[in-house]
């Protein structure tokens, strides 16, 4: 991983980008640093990702709740204060949220 200087992140000044799901919408506030990406992500009510993801992540649920559905049919539920971690290519997963959620998601080269 690259050296990253100390910095505070004011998420409220980072413009969100809209990402439509199969149903619902997610909004991402993204900070891209060398070899690491940090995102503050909000899922709308009824959100379902429009793809299966094989990328590694550290995902921490800040508010609400969501399910991480695995392509093999297994479902992992996260609620406020819970976290999951997975490396690249070790699962095929997608998110869904019945009532909405706010997440901190970190991914990058360190998860390869």
PDB file of N, CA and C in Angstrom:
ATOM      1  N   UNK A   1       0.840  -1.179   0.000  1.00  0.00           N
ATOM      2  CA  UNK A   1       0.000   0.000   0.000  1.00  0.00           C
ATOM      3  C   UNK A   1       0.886   1.243   0.000  1.00  0.00           C
ATOM      4  N   UNK A   2       0.446   2.292  -0.637  1.00  0.00           N
ATOM      5  CA  UNK A   2       1.181   3.545  -0.694  1.00  0.00           C
ATOM      6  C   UNK A   2       1.075   4.293   0.619  1.00  0.00           C
ATOM      7  N   UNK A   3       2.055   5.173   0.846  1.00  0.00           N
ATOM      8  CA  UNK A   3       1.974   6.037   2.019  1.00  0.00           C
ATOM      9  C   UNK A   3       0.869   7.057   1.802  1.00  0.00           C
ATOM     10  N   UNK A   4       0.021   7.215   2.799  1.00  0.00           N
ATOM     11  CA  UNK A   4      -1.079   8.168   2.719  1.00  0.00           C
ATOM     12  C   UNK A   4      -0.905   9.160   3.853  1.00  0.00           C
ATOM     13  N   UNK A   5      -0.795  10.430   3.502  1.00  0.00           N
ATOM     14  CA  UNK A   5      -0.649  11.482   4.494  1.00  0.00           C
ATOM     15  C   UNK A   5      -1.898  11.556   5.375  1.00  0.00           C
ATOM     16  N   UNK A   6      -1.716  12.005   6.607  1.00  0.00           N
ATOM     17  CA  UNK A   6      -2.840  12.199   7.521  1.00  0.00           C
ATOM     18  C   UNK A   6      -3.811  13.200   6.904  1.00  0.00           C
ATOM     19  N   UNK A   7      -5.082  12.844   6.925  1.00  0.00           N
ATOM     20  CA  UNK A   7      -6.106  13.753   6.432  1.00  0.00           C
ATOM     21  C   UNK A   7      -7.452  13.424   7.041  1.00  0.00           C
ATOM     22  N   UNK A   8      -8.233  14.448   7.254  1.00  0.00           N
ATOM     23  CA  UNK A   8      -9.606  14.274   7.711  1.00  0.00           C
ATOM     24  C   UNK A   8     -10.499  14.343   6.483  1.00  0.00           C
ATOM     25  N   UNK A   9     -11.560  13.569   6.484  1.00  0.00           N
ATOM     26  CA  UNK A   9     -12.464  13.516   5.334  1.00  0.00           C
ATOM     27  C   UNK A   9     -13.812  14.094   5.745  1.00  0.00           C
ATOM     28  N   UNK A  10     -14.215  15.161   5.089  1.00  0.00           N
ATOM     29  CA  UNK A  10     -15.538  15.733   5.308  1.00  0.00           C
ATOM     30  C   UNK A  10     -16.427  15.200   4.192  1.00  0.00           C
ATOM     31  N   UNK A  11     -17.150  14.119   4.486  1.00  0.00           N
ATOM     32  CA  UNK A  11     -17.959  13.444   3.470  1.00  0.00           C
ATOM     33  C   UNK A  11     -19.034  14.360   2.901  1.00  0.00           C
ATOM     34  N   UNK A  12     -19.486  15.339   3.674  1.00  0.00           N
ATOM     35  CA  UNK A  12     -20.586  16.189   3.209  1.00  0.00           C
ATOM     36  C   UNK A  12     -20.190  17.085   2.039  1.00  0.00           C
ATOM     37  N   UNK A  13     -18.898  17.317   1.811  1.00  0.00           N
ATOM     38  CA  UNK A  13     -18.496  18.173   0.689  1.00  0.00           C
ATOM     39  C   UNK A  13     -18.145  17.368  -0.562  1.00  0.00           C
ATOM     40  N   UNK A  14     -18.184  16.045  -0.461  1.00  0.00           N
ATOM     41  CA  UNK A  14     -17.939  15.201  -1.630  1.00  0.00           C
ATOM     42  C   UNK A  14     -19.277  14.957  -2.322  1.00  0.00           C
ATOM     43  N   UNK A  15     -19.366  15.360  -3.582  1.00  0.00           N
ATOM     44  CA  UNK A  15     -20.617  15.220  -4.330  1.00  0.00           C
ATOM     45  C   UNK A  15     -20.979  13.750  -4.512  1.00  0.00           C
ATOM     46  N   UNK A  16     -22.223  13.375  -4.203  1.00  0.00           N
ATOM     47  CA  UNK A  16     -22.636  11.985  -4.431  1.00  0.00           C
ATOM     48  C   UNK A  16     -22.880  11.707  -5.910  1.00  0.00           C
ATOM     49  N   UNK A  17     -22.609  10.470  -6.288  1.00  0.00           N
ATOM     50  CA  UNK A  17     -22.962  10.009  -7.628  1.00  0.00           C
ATOM     51  C   UNK A  17     -24.056   8.966  -7.488  1.00  0.00           C
ATOM     52  N   UNK A  18     -24.985   8.991  -8.413  1.00  0.00           N
ATOM     53  CA  UNK A  18     -26.149   8.098  -8.371  1.00  0.00           C
ATOM     54  C   UNK A  18     -25.859   6.833  -9.166  1.00  0.00           C
ATOM     55  N   UNK A  19     -26.199   5.672  -8.576  1.00  0.00           N
ATOM     56  CA  UNK A  19     -26.018   4.384  -9.236  1.00  0.00           C
ATOM     57  C   UNK A  19     -27.326   3.604  -9.122  1.00  0.00           C
ATOM     58  N   UNK A  20     -27.991   3.436 -10.245  1.00  0.00           N
ATOM     59  CA  UNK A  20     -29.256   2.703 -10.259  1.00  0.00           C
ATOM     60  C   UNK A  20     -29.001   1.225 -10.018  1.00  0.00           C
ATOM     61  N   UNK A  21     -29.846   0.608  -9.204  1.00  0.00           N
ATOM     62  CA  UNK A  21     -29.795  -0.823  -9.016  1.00  0.00           C
ATOM     63  C   UNK A  21     -30.809  -1.496  -9.922  1.00  0.00           C
ATOM     64  N   UNK A  22     -30.931  -2.822  -9.796  1.00  0.00           N
ATOM     65  CA  UNK A  22     -32.017  -3.523 -10.481  1.00  0.00           C
ATOM     66  C   UNK A  22     -33.331  -2.931  -9.989  1.00  0.00           C
ATOM     67  N   UNK A  23     -33.370  -2.623  -8.691  1.00  0.00           N
ATOM     68  CA  UNK A  23     -34.444  -1.828  -8.091  1.00  0.00           C
ATOM     69  C   UNK A  23     -33.781  -0.853  -7.135  1.00  0.00           C
ATOM     70  N   UNK A  24     -34.366   0.290  -6.973  1.00  0.00           N
ATOM     71  CA  UNK A  24     -33.813   1.286  -6.058  1.00  0.00           C
ATOM     72  C   UNK A  24     -32.536   1.929  -6.590  1.00  0.00           C
ATOM     73  N   UNK A  25     -31.922   2.713  -5.726  1.00  0.00           N
ATOM     74  CA  UNK A  25     -30.755   3.504  -6.110  1.00  0.00           C
ATOM     75  C   UNK A  25     -29.752   3.524  -4.973  1.00  0.00           C
ATOM     76  N   UNK A  26     -28.476   3.606  -5.328  1.00  0.00           N
ATOM     77  CA  UNK A  26     -27.439   3.861  -4.328  1.00  0.00           C
ATOM     78  C   UNK A  26     -26.755   5.181  -4.680  1.00  0.00           C
ATOM     79  N   UNK A  27     -26.292   5.860  -3.662  1.00  0.00           N
ATOM     80  CA  UNK A  27     -25.571   7.119  -3.827  1.00  0.00           C
ATOM     81  C   UNK A  27     -24.203   6.958  -3.188  1.00  0.00           C
ATOM     82  N   UNK A  28     -23.154   7.255  -3.958  1.00  0.00           N
ATOM     83  CA  UNK A  28     -21.779   7.073  -3.493  1.00  0.00           C
ATOM     84  C   UNK A  28     -21.086   8.422  -3.358  1.00  0.00           C
ATOM     85  N   UNK A  29     -20.428   8.616  -2.236  1.00  0.00           N
ATOM     86  CA  UNK A  29     -19.467   9.707  -2.052  1.00  0.00           C
ATOM     87  C   UNK A  29     -18.112   9.002  -2.012  1.00  0.00           C
ATOM     88  N   UNK A  30     -17.266   9.251  -2.996  1.00  0.00           N
ATOM     89  CA  UNK A  30     -16.060   8.455  -3.198  1.00  0.00           C
ATOM     90  C   UNK A  30     -14.802   9.279  -3.031  1.00  0.00           C
ATOM     91  N   UNK A  31     -13.851   8.712  -2.304  1.00  0.00           N
ATOM     92  CA  UNK A  31     -12.505   9.278  -2.188  1.00  0.00           C
ATOM     93  C   UNK A  31     -11.539   8.225  -2.706  1.00  0.00           C
ATOM     94  N   UNK A  32     -10.882   8.532  -3.810  1.00  0.00           N
ATOM     95  CA  UNK A  32      -9.912   7.610  -4.401  1.00  0.00           C
ATOM     96  C   UNK A  32      -8.509   8.069  -4.026  1.00  0.00           C
ATOM     97  N   UNK A  33      -7.776   7.209  -3.357  1.00  0.00           N
ATOM     98  CA  UNK A  33      -6.387   7.450  -2.988  1.00  0.00           C
ATOM     99  C   UNK A  33      -5.522   6.414  -3.695  1.00  0.00           C
ATOM    100  N   UNK A  34      -4.210   6.559  -3.666  1.00  0.00           N
ATOM    101  CA  UNK A  34      -3.369   5.537  -4.296  1.00  0.00           C
ATOM    102  C   UNK A  34      -3.652   4.157  -3.686  1.00  0.00           C
ATOM    103  N   UNK A  35      -4.084   3.237  -4.486  1.00  0.00           N
ATOM    104  CA  UNK A  35      -4.321   1.821  -4.149  1.00  0.00           C
ATOM    105  C   UNK A  35      -5.432   1.564  -3.135  1.00  0.00           C
ATOM    106  N   UNK A  36      -6.222   2.578  -2.787  1.00  0.00           N
ATOM    107  CA  UNK A  36      -7.341   2.368  -1.857  1.00  0.00           C
ATOM    108  C   UNK A  36      -8.486   3.320  -2.225  1.00  0.00           C
ATOM    109  N   UNK A  37      -9.708   2.799  -2.150  1.00  0.00           N
ATOM    110  CA  UNK A  37     -10.898   3.604  -2.414  1.00  0.00           C
ATOM    111  C   UNK A  37     -11.787   3.546  -1.188  1.00  0.00           C
ATOM    112  N   UNK A  38     -12.257   4.698  -0.747  1.00  0.00           N
ATOM    113  CA  UNK A  38     -13.191   4.799   0.371  1.00  0.00           C
ATOM    114  C   UNK A  38     -14.484   5.380  -0.163  1.00  0.00           C
ATOM    115  N   UNK A  39     -15.602   4.773   0.244  1.00  0.00           N
ATOM    116  CA  UNK A  39     -16.907   5.262  -0.196  1.00  0.00           C
ATOM    117  C   UNK A  39     -17.882   5.312   0.965  1.00  0.00           C
ATOM    118  N   UNK A  40     -18.635   6.394   1.028  1.00  0.00           N
ATOM    119  CA  UNK A  40     -19.793   6.486   1.896  1.00  0.00           C
ATOM    120  C   UNK A  40     -20.967   6.216   0.968  1.00  0.00           C
ATOM    121  N   UNK A  41     -21.690   5.120   1.199  1.00  0.00           N
ATOM    122  CA  UNK A  41     -22.726   4.674   0.279  1.00  0.00           C
ATOM    123  C   UNK A  41     -24.062   4.616   1.005  1.00  0.00           C
ATOM    124  N   UNK A  42     -25.089   5.132   0.343  1.00  0.00           N
ATOM    125  CA  UNK A  42     -26.446   5.049   0.890  1.00  0.00           C
ATOM    126  C   UNK A  42     -27.320   4.276  -0.087  1.00  0.00           C
ATOM    127  N   UNK A  43     -28.013   3.275   0.439  1.00  0.00           N
ATOM    128  CA  UNK A  43     -28.979   2.498  -0.347  1.00  0.00           C
ATOM    129  C   UNK A  43     -30.375   3.025  -0.056  1.00  0.00           C
ATOM    130  N   UNK A  44     -31.164   3.179  -1.095  1.00  0.00           N
ATOM    131  CA  UNK A  44     -32.562   3.570  -0.924  1.00  0.00           C
ATOM    132  C   UNK A  44     -33.374   2.374  -0.420  1.00  0.00           C
ATOM    133  N   UNK A  45     -34.596   2.642  -0.015  1.00  0.00           N
ATOM    134  CA  UNK A  45     -35.520   1.552   0.288  1.00  0.00           C
ATOM    135  C   UNK A  45     -35.688   0.712  -0.967  1.00  0.00           C
ATOM    136  N   UNK A  46     -35.745  -0.599  -0.797  1.00  0.00           N
ATOM    137  CA  UNK A  46     -35.977  -1.485  -1.916  1.00  0.00           C
ATOM    138  C   UNK A  46     -34.795  -1.633  -2.860  1.00  0.00           C
ATOM    139  N   UNK A  47     -33.597  -1.302  -2.394  1.00  0.00           N
ATOM    140  CA  UNK A  47     -32.416  -1.391  -3.265  1.00  0.00           C
ATOM    141  C   UNK A  47     -32.005  -2.840  -3.486  1.00  0.00           C
ATOM    142  N   UNK A  48     -31.698  -3.173  -4.744  1.00  0.00           N
ATOM    143  CA  UNK A  48     -31.098  -4.448  -5.123  1.00  0.00           C
ATOM    144  C   UNK A  48     -30.047  -4.147  -6.173  1.00  0.00           C
ATOM    145  N   UNK A  49     -28.804  -4.550  -5.922  1.00  0.00           N
ATOM    146  CA  UNK A  49     -27.723  -4.314  -6.876  1.00  0.00           C
ATOM    147  C   UNK A  49     -28.054  -4.944  -8.222  1.00  0.00           C
ATOM    148  N   UNK A  50     -27.567  -4.322  -9.279  1.00  0.00           N
ATOM    149  CA  UNK A  50     -27.871  -4.810 -10.626  1.00  0.00           C
ATOM    150  C   UNK A  50     -26.815  -5.769 -11.168  1.00  0.00           C
ATOM    151  N   UNK A  51     -25.908  -6.236 -10.307  1.00  0.00           N
ATOM    152  CA  UNK A  51     -24.840  -7.143 -10.751  1.00  0.00           C
ATOM    153  C   UNK A  51     -24.309  -7.964  -9.580  1.00  0.00           C
ATOM    154  N   UNK A  52     -23.655  -9.061  -9.904  1.00  0.00           N
ATOM    155  CA  UNK A  52     -22.924  -9.859  -8.925  1.00  0.00           C
ATOM    156  C   UNK A  52     -21.499  -9.317  -8.887  1.00  0.00           C
ATOM    157  N   UNK A  53     -20.979  -9.074  -7.710  1.00  0.00           N
ATOM    158  CA  UNK A  53     -19.663  -8.465  -7.545  1.00  0.00           C
ATOM    159  C   UNK A  53     -18.674  -9.495  -7.008  1.00  0.00           C
ATOM    160  N   UNK A  54     -17.471  -9.528  -7.569  1.00  0.00           N
ATOM    161  CA  UNK A  54     -16.416 -10.423  -7.091  1.00  0.00           C
ATOM    162  C   UNK A  54     -15.269  -9.645  -6.458  1.00  0.00           C
ATOM    163  N   UNK A  55     -15.448  -8.339  -6.335  1.00  0.00           N
ATOM    164  CA  UNK A  55     -14.408  -7.483  -5.772  1.00  0.00           C
ATOM    165  C   UNK A  55     -14.382  -7.635  -4.252  1.00  0.00           C
ATOM    166  N   UNK A  56     -13.203  -7.510  -3.681  1.00  0.00           N
ATOM    167  CA  UNK A  56     -13.067  -7.544  -2.231  1.00  0.00           C
ATOM    168  C   UNK A  56     -13.457  -6.203  -1.618  1.00  0.00           C
ATOM    169  N   UNK A  57     -13.987  -6.254  -0.408  1.00  0.00           N
ATOM    170  CA  UNK A  57     -14.414  -5.044   0.297  1.00  0.00           C
ATOM    171  C   UNK A  57     -14.270  -5.247   1.803  1.00  0.00           C
ATOM    172  N   UNK A  58     -14.172  -4.140   2.497  1.00  0.00           N
ATOM    173  CA  UNK A  58     -14.514  -4.065   3.910  1.00  0.00           C
ATOM    174  C   UNK A  58     -15.747  -3.183   3.942  1.00  0.00           C
ATOM    175  N   UNK A  59     -16.845  -3.713   4.469  1.00  0.00           N
ATOM    176  CA  UNK A  59     -18.113  -2.981   4.489  1.00  0.00           C
ATOM    177  C   UNK A  59     -18.593  -2.872   5.929  1.00  0.00           C
ATOM    178  N   UNK A  60     -18.795  -1.634   6.378  1.00  0.00           N
ATOM    179  CA  UNK A  60     -19.300  -1.389   7.729  1.00  0.00           C
ATOM    180  C   UNK A  60     -20.642  -0.675   7.620  1.00  0.00           C
ATOM    181  N   UNK A  61     -21.651  -1.237   8.272  1.00  0.00           N
ATOM    182  CA  UNK A  61     -23.001  -0.669   8.248  1.00  0.00           C
ATOM    183  C   UNK A  61     -23.110   0.412   9.328  1.00  0.00           C
ATOM    184  N   UNK A  62     -23.298   1.645   8.896  1.00  0.00           N
ATOM    185  CA  UNK A  62     -23.407   2.786   9.808  1.00  0.00           C
ATOM    186  C   UNK A  62     -24.840   3.008  10.280  1.00  0.00           C
ATOM    187  N   UNK A  63     -25.790   2.789   9.377  1.00  0.00           N
ATOM    188  CA  UNK A  63     -27.208   3.000   9.694  1.00  0.00           C
ATOM    189  C   UNK A  63     -28.038   1.995   8.907  1.00  0.00           C
ATOM    190  N   UNK A  64     -29.186   1.645   9.450  1.00  0.00           N
ATOM    191  CA  UNK A  64     -30.105   0.765   8.736  1.00  0.00           C
ATOM    192  C   UNK A  64     -29.626  -0.676   8.712  1.00  0.00           C
ATOM    193  N   UNK A  65     -29.970  -1.374   7.655  1.00  0.00           N
ATOM    194  CA  UNK A  65     -29.623  -2.788   7.519  1.00  0.00           C
ATOM    195  C   UNK A  65     -29.630  -3.163   6.043  1.00  0.00           C
ATOM    196  N   UNK A  66     -28.856  -4.189   5.709  1.00  0.00           N
ATOM    197  CA  UNK A  66     -28.861  -4.711   4.350  1.00  0.00           C
ATOM    198  C   UNK A  66     -28.426  -6.165   4.379  1.00  0.00           C
ATOM    199  N   UNK A  67     -28.712  -6.853   3.308  1.00  0.00           N
ATOM    200  CA  UNK A  67     -28.287  -8.237   3.137  1.00  0.00           C
ATOM    201  C   UNK A  67     -27.246  -8.291   2.041  1.00  0.00           C
ATOM    202  N   UNK A  68     -26.262  -9.132   2.243  1.00  0.00           N
ATOM    203  CA  UNK A  68     -25.308  -9.455   1.197  1.00  0.00           C
ATOM    204  C   UNK A  68     -25.647 -10.868   0.751  1.00  0.00           C
ATOM    205  N   UNK A  69     -26.208 -10.957  -0.435  1.00  0.00           N
ATOM    206  CA  UNK A  69     -26.639 -12.236  -0.976  1.00  0.00           C
ATOM    207  C   UNK A  69     -25.499 -12.838  -1.796  1.00  0.00           C
ATOM    208  N   UNK A  70     -25.174 -14.091  -1.521  1.00  0.00           N
ATOM    209  CA  UNK A  70     -24.131 -14.789  -2.274  1.00  0.00           C
ATOM    210  C   UNK A  70     -24.777 -15.507  -3.452  1.00  0.00           C
ATOM    211  N   UNK A  71     -24.021 -15.652  -4.514  1.00  0.00           N
ATOM    212  CA  UNK A  71     -24.547 -16.318  -5.708  1.00  0.00           C
ATOM    213  C   UNK A  71     -24.920 -17.772  -5.416  1.00  0.00           C
ATOM    214  N   UNK A  72     -24.318 -18.371  -4.364  1.00  0.00           N
ATOM    215  CA  UNK A  72     -24.646 -19.750  -3.985  1.00  0.00           C
ATOM    216  C   UNK A  72     -25.929 -19.843  -3.163  1.00  0.00           C
ATOM    217  N   UNK A  73     -26.603 -18.694  -2.914  1.00  0.00           N
ATOM    218  CA  UNK A  73     -27.873 -18.690  -2.196  1.00  0.00           C
ATOM    219  C   UNK A  73     -27.769 -18.292  -0.738  1.00  0.00           C
ATOM    220  N   UNK A  74     -26.573 -18.297  -0.175  1.00  0.00           N
ATOM    221  CA  UNK A  74     -26.380 -17.883   1.218  1.00  0.00           C
ATOM    222  C   UNK A  74     -26.614 -16.381   1.344  1.00  0.00           C
ATOM    223  N   UNK A  75     -27.161 -15.948   2.479  1.00  0.00           N
ATOM    224  CA  UNK A  75     -27.388 -14.535   2.734  1.00  0.00           C
ATOM    225  C   UNK A  75     -26.784 -14.162   4.080  1.00  0.00           C
ATOM    226  N   UNK A  76     -26.026 -13.069   4.093  1.00  0.00           N
ATOM    227  CA  UNK A  76     -25.440 -12.530   5.315  1.00  0.00           C
ATOM    228  C   UNK A  76     -26.119 -11.195   5.575  1.00  0.00           C
ATOM    229  N   UNK A  77     -26.707 -11.033   6.760  1.00  0.00           N
ATOM    230  CA  UNK A  77     -27.390  -9.795   7.117  1.00  0.00           C
ATOM    231  C   UNK A  77     -26.493  -8.927   7.983  1.00  0.00           C
ATOM    232  N   UNK A  78     -26.408  -7.647   7.635  1.00  0.00           N
ATOM    233  CA  UNK A  78     -25.663  -6.690   8.428  1.00  0.00           C
ATOM    234  C   UNK A  78     -26.600  -5.599   8.910  1.00  0.00           C
ATOM    235  N   UNK A  79     -26.435  -5.233  10.160  1.00  0.00           N
ATOM    236  CA  UNK A  79     -27.200  -4.158  10.761  1.00  0.00           C
ATOM    237  C   UNK A  79     -26.213  -3.123  11.290  1.00  0.00           C
ATOM    238  N   UNK A  80     -26.730  -2.023  11.772  1.00  0.00           N
ATOM    239  CA  UNK A  80     -25.894  -0.941  12.281  1.00  0.00           C
ATOM    240  C   UNK A  80     -24.822  -1.483  13.232  1.00  0.00           C
ATOM    241  N   UNK A  81     -23.571  -1.104  12.959  1.00  0.00           N
ATOM    242  CA  UNK A  81     -22.462  -1.495  13.830  1.00  0.00           C
ATOM    243  C   UNK A  81     -21.779  -2.795  13.447  1.00  0.00           C
ATOM    244  N   UNK A  82     -22.228  -3.457  12.366  1.00  0.00           N
ATOM    245  CA  UNK A  82     -21.605  -4.717  11.955  1.00  0.00           C
ATOM    246  C   UNK A  82     -20.819  -4.516  10.661  1.00  0.00           C
ATOM    247  N   UNK A  83     -19.865  -5.426  10.433  1.00  0.00           N
ATOM    248  CA  UNK A  83     -18.917  -5.301   9.329  1.00  0.00           C
ATOM    249  C   UNK A  83     -18.708  -6.649   8.668  1.00  0.00           C
ATOM    250  N   UNK A  84     -18.449  -6.637   7.353  1.00  0.00           N
ATOM    251  CA  UNK A  84     -17.933  -7.845   6.711  1.00  0.00           C
ATOM    252  C   UNK A  84     -16.682  -7.496   5.932  1.00  0.00           C
ATOM    253  N   UNK A  85     -15.855  -8.505   5.691  1.00  0.00           N
ATOM    254  CA  UNK A  85     -14.655  -8.355   4.892  1.00  0.00           C
ATOM    255  C   UNK A  85     -14.507  -9.572   3.994  1.00  0.00           C
ATOM    256  N   UNK A  86     -14.061  -9.347   2.747  1.00  0.00           N
ATOM    257  CA  UNK A  86     -13.813 -10.438   1.810  1.00  0.00           C
ATOM    258  C   UNK A  86     -12.756  -9.965   0.819  1.00  0.00           C
ATOM    259  N   UNK A  87     -11.895 -10.860   0.395  1.00  0.00           N
ATOM    260  CA  UNK A  87     -10.873 -10.541  -0.606  1.00  0.00           C
ATOM    261  C   UNK A  87     -11.434 -10.698  -2.013  1.00  0.00           C
ATOM    262  N   UNK A  88     -10.742 -10.091  -2.978  1.00  0.00           N
ATOM    263  CA  UNK A  88     -11.114 -10.208  -4.388  1.00  0.00           C
ATOM    264  C   UNK A  88     -11.254 -11.674  -4.796  1.00  0.00           C
ATOM    265  N   UNK A  89     -12.259 -11.955  -5.592  1.00  0.00           N
ATOM    266  CA  UNK A  89     -12.462 -13.259  -6.223  1.00  0.00           C
ATOM    267  C   UNK A  89     -12.818 -14.406  -5.265  1.00  0.00           C
ATOM    268  N   UNK A  90     -13.111 -14.104  -3.984  1.00  0.00           N
ATOM    269  CA  UNK A  90     -13.449 -15.176  -3.043  1.00  0.00           C
ATOM    270  C   UNK A  90     -14.945 -15.340  -2.826  1.00  0.00           C
ATOM    271  N   UNK A  91     -15.743 -14.461  -3.422  1.00  0.00           N
ATOM    272  CA  UNK A  91     -17.193 -14.639  -3.381  1.00  0.00           C
ATOM    273  C   UNK A  91     -17.798 -13.865  -4.539  1.00  0.00           C
ATOM    274  N   UNK A  92     -19.013 -14.225  -4.862  1.00  0.00           N
ATOM    275  CA  UNK A  92     -19.807 -13.476  -5.813  1.00  0.00           C
ATOM    276  C   UNK A  92     -21.035 -13.025  -5.037  1.00  0.00           C
ATOM    277  N   UNK A  93     -21.145 -11.720  -4.807  1.00  0.00           N
ATOM    278  CA  UNK A  93     -22.163 -11.207  -3.895  1.00  0.00           C
ATOM    279  C   UNK A  93     -22.859  -9.979  -4.493  1.00  0.00           C
ATOM    280  N   UNK A  94     -24.037  -9.688  -3.945  1.00  0.00           N
ATOM    281  CA  UNK A  94     -24.744  -8.461  -4.288  1.00  0.00           C
ATOM    282  C   UNK A  94     -25.531  -8.006  -3.071  1.00  0.00           C
ATOM    283  N   UNK A  95     -25.767  -6.712  -3.007  1.00  0.00           N
ATOM    284  CA  UNK A  95     -26.442  -6.124  -1.849  1.00  0.00           C
ATOM    285  C   UNK A  95     -27.913  -5.884  -2.132  1.00  0.00           C
ATOM    286  N   UNK A  96     -28.695  -6.008  -1.081  1.00  0.00           N
ATOM    287  CA  UNK A  96     -30.094  -5.620  -1.135  1.00  0.00           C
ATOM    288  C   UNK A  96     -30.496  -5.043   0.208  1.00  0.00           C
ATOM    289  N   UNK A  97     -31.361  -4.058   0.173  1.00  0.00           N
ATOM    290  CA  UNK A  97     -31.803  -3.417   1.405  1.00  0.00           C
ATOM    291  C   UNK A  97     -33.293  -3.110   1.318  1.00  0.00           C
ATOM    292  N   UNK A  98     -34.031  -3.670   2.235  1.00  0.00           N
ATOM    293  CA  UNK A  98     -35.482  -3.471   2.258  1.00  0.00           C
ATOM    294  C   UNK A  98     -35.835  -2.033   2.639  1.00  0.00           C
ATOM    295  N   UNK A  99     -35.187  -1.520   3.698  1.00  0.00           N
ATOM    296  CA  UNK A  99     -35.558  -0.211   4.228  1.00  0.00           C
ATOM    297  C   UNK A  99     -34.480   0.850   4.098  1.00  0.00           C
ATOM    298  N   UNK A 100     -33.381   0.541   3.403  1.00  0.00           N
ATOM    299  CA  UNK A 100     -32.308   1.509   3.223  1.00  0.00           C
ATOM    300  C   UNK A 100     -31.178   1.288   4.219  1.00  0.00           C
ATOM    301  N   UNK A 101     -29.996   1.771   3.859  1.00  0.00           N
ATOM    302  CA  UNK A 101     -28.816   1.622   4.706  1.00  0.00           C
ATOM    303  C   UNK A 101     -27.787   2.673   4.334  1.00  0.00           C
ATOM    304  N   UNK A 102     -26.902   2.955   5.273  1.00  0.00           N
ATOM    305  CA  UNK A 102     -25.751   3.828   5.040  1.00  0.00           C
ATOM    306  C   UNK A 102     -24.509   3.030   5.415  1.00  0.00           C
ATOM    307  N   UNK A 103     -23.529   2.971   4.495  1.00  0.00           N
ATOM    308  CA  UNK A 103     -22.366   2.100   4.648  1.00  0.00           C
ATOM    309  C   UNK A 103     -21.080   2.867   4.427  1.00  0.00           C
ATOM    310  N   UNK A 104     -20.016   2.422   5.078  1.00  0.00           N
ATOM    311  CA  UNK A 104     -18.657   2.831   4.752  1.00  0.00           C
ATOM    312  C   UNK A 104     -18.015   1.624   4.081  1.00  0.00           C
ATOM    313  N   UNK A 105     -17.556   1.799   2.846  1.00  0.00           N
ATOM    314  CA  UNK A 105     -16.970   0.694   2.084  1.00  0.00           C
ATOM    315  C   UNK A 105     -15.541   1.060   1.712  1.00  0.00           C
ATOM    316  N   UNK A 106     -14.624   0.143   2.001  1.00  0.00           N
ATOM    317  CA  UNK A 106     -13.207   0.331   1.699  1.00  0.00           C
ATOM    318  C   UNK A 106     -12.757  -0.828   0.835  1.00  0.00           C
ATOM    319  N   UNK A 107     -12.112  -0.514  -0.280  1.00  0.00           N
ATOM    320  CA  UNK A 107     -11.547  -1.564  -1.108  1.00  0.00           C
ATOM    321  C   UNK A 107     -10.257  -1.064  -1.740  1.00  0.00           C
ATOM    322  N   UNK A 108      -9.485  -1.993  -2.240  1.00  0.00           N
ATOM    323  CA  UNK A 108      -8.228  -1.604  -2.863  1.00  0.00           C
ATOM    324  C   UNK A 108      -7.310  -2.799  -3.058  1.00  0.00           C
ATOM    325  N   UNK A 109      -6.102  -2.484  -3.485  1.00  0.00           N
ATOM    326  CA  UNK A 109      -5.119  -3.518  -3.812  1.00  0.00           C
ATOM    327  C   UNK A 109      -4.809  -4.453  -2.658  1.00  0.00           C
ATOM    328  N   UNK A 110      -4.935  -4.001  -1.427  1.00  0.00           N
ATOM    329  CA  UNK A 110      -4.614  -4.836  -0.269  1.00  0.00           C
ATOM    330  C   UNK A 110      -5.547  -6.038  -0.114  1.00  0.00           C
ATOM    331  N   UNK A 111      -6.644  -6.063  -0.850  1.00  0.00           N
ATOM    332  CA  UNK A 111      -7.597  -7.175  -0.769  1.00  0.00           C
ATOM    333  C   UNK A 111      -7.436  -8.175  -1.901  1.00  0.00           C
ATOM    334  N   UNK A 112      -6.358  -8.063  -2.685  1.00  0.00           N
ATOM    335  CA  UNK A 112      -6.135  -9.005  -3.777  1.00  0.00           C
ATOM    336  C   UNK A 112      -5.566 -10.301  -3.246  1.00  0.00           C
TER     337      UNK A 112
END
